[in-house]
Amino acid sequence: MRWKKVTMLCAALVLTAGLTFAWEPPAKAPNRNPNAAMWLSIGHPALGEWYNAGWGGWQNCNRKKFFLGFIPGYGWPGYLQVRSAITARRGGTW
């Protein structure tokens, strides 16, 4: 029974690592205003990066950062809001 759990855990880790290395974030859309991206991220974390990625659907949005932005004191206002604004100002997508 113990070996079965260890095997399943190892398989899950290998699958997760494979998916992580195969995934690529979306490319930055050209001609984006870095100040607008910064202010969008100040409004809510991840919006500025989404703007830099060219909006689009959920595939262009950092969903983890977006939903963590709803946590008071961490997301908005807080640490994540500041980090997101800095990333967006530098032109990052996520």
Protein backbone atom coordinates (compact mmCIF):
# COMPACT_ATOMS: atom_id res chain seq x y z
CA MET A 1 0.00 0.00 0.00
CA ARG A 2 2.81 2.41 0.82
CA TRP A 3 4.58 1.83 -2.51
CA LYS A 4 1.39 2.60 -4.37
CA LYS A 5 1.16 6.03 -2.70
CA VAL A 6 4.84 6.76 -3.38
CA THR A 7 4.44 5.74 -7.04
CA MET A 8 1.38 7.95 -7.47
CA LEU A 9 3.16 10.89 -5.84
CA CYS A 10 6.21 10.48 -8.09
CA ALA A 11 3.99 10.21 -11.18
CA ALA A 12 2.16 13.41 -10.19
CA LEU A 13 5.45 15.25 -9.66
CA VAL A 14 6.83 14.12 -13.03
CA LEU A 15 3.62 15.12 -14.80
CA THR A 16 3.58 18.53 -13.10
CA ALA A 17 7.23 19.17 -13.96
CA GLY A 18 6.63 18.16 -17.58
CA LEU A 19 3.67 20.47 -17.93
CA THR A 20 5.56 23.32 -16.29
CA PHE A 21 8.49 23.11 -18.67
CA ALA A 22 6.26 22.70 -21.73
CA TRP A 23 4.18 25.80 -20.96
CA GLU A 24 5.18 29.21 -22.35
CA PRO A 25 3.70 32.53 -21.23
CA PRO A 26 2.15 34.69 -23.94
CA ALA A 27 4.39 37.17 -25.73
CA LYS A 28 4.16 40.88 -24.98
CA ALA A 29 1.90 42.84 -27.30
CA PRO A 30 3.67 45.74 -29.05
CA ASN A 31 3.00 49.41 -28.40
CA ARG A 32 1.70 49.13 -24.84
CA ASN A 33 1.89 52.12 -22.52
CA PRO A 34 3.92 51.13 -19.41
CA ASN A 35 2.27 53.82 -17.27
CA ALA A 36 -1.20 52.57 -18.16
CA ALA A 37 -0.15 49.01 -17.31
CA MET A 38 1.22 50.17 -13.97
CA TRP A 39 -1.99 51.98 -13.05
CA LEU A 40 -4.11 49.00 -14.06
CA SER A 41 -2.06 46.81 -11.72
CA ILE A 42 -2.46 49.36 -8.95
CA GLY A 43 -6.20 49.08 -9.49
CA HIS A 44 -6.07 45.28 -9.23
CA PRO A 45 -3.10 42.89 -9.40
CA ALA A 46 -2.51 41.17 -12.77
CA LEU A 47 -4.55 43.64 -14.85
CA GLY A 48 -1.43 45.48 -16.02
CA GLU A 49 0.28 42.26 -17.11
CA TRP A 50 -2.91 41.21 -18.87
CA TYR A 51 -2.93 44.56 -20.66
CA ASN A 52 0.73 44.04 -21.69
CA ALA A 53 -0.17 40.60 -23.03
CA GLY A 54 -2.79 42.14 -25.33
CA TRP A 55 -5.88 41.40 -23.20
CA GLY A 56 -7.54 38.50 -25.05
CA GLY A 57 -9.06 35.65 -23.09
CA TRP A 58 -8.08 33.99 -19.84
CA GLN A 59 -5.05 32.42 -21.51
CA ASN A 60 -3.35 35.86 -21.45
CA CYS A 61 -4.16 36.53 -17.79
CA ASN A 62 -2.20 35.34 -14.78
CA ARG A 63 -5.22 33.81 -13.05
CA LYS A 64 -3.30 32.92 -9.89
CA LYS A 65 -2.15 36.51 -9.33
CA PHE A 66 -5.58 37.84 -10.34
CA PHE A 67 -7.49 35.76 -7.79
CA LEU A 68 -4.86 36.20 -5.06
CA GLY A 69 -5.48 39.92 -5.54
CA PHE A 70 -8.79 39.57 -3.69
CA ILE A 71 -7.04 38.69 -0.40
CA PRO A 72 -7.05 41.81 1.83
CA GLY A 73 -3.60 42.89 2.96
CA TYR A 74 -1.79 40.60 0.53
CA GLY A 75 -3.50 41.23 -2.78
CA TRP A 76 -5.19 44.59 -2.61
CA PRO A 77 -4.00 46.75 -0.95
CA GLY A 78 -0.75 45.03 -0.27
CA TYR A 79 2.38 43.30 -1.41
CA LEU A 80 0.99 41.66 -4.55
CA GLN A 81 -0.41 44.96 -5.80
CA VAL A 82 3.03 46.58 -5.57
CA ARG A 83 4.85 43.64 -7.20
CA SER A 84 2.29 43.52 -10.01
CA ALA A 85 2.63 47.27 -10.65
CA ILE A 86 6.43 46.99 -10.84
CA THR A 87 6.24 44.02 -13.24
CA ALA A 88 3.68 45.77 -15.44
CA ARG A 89 5.73 49.00 -15.51
CA ARG A 90 8.76 47.02 -16.71
CA GLY A 91 6.67 45.58 -19.55
CA GLY A 92 6.24 42.08 -18.16
CA THR A 93 3.30 39.94 -19.09
CA TRP A 94 3.63 37.55 -16.14
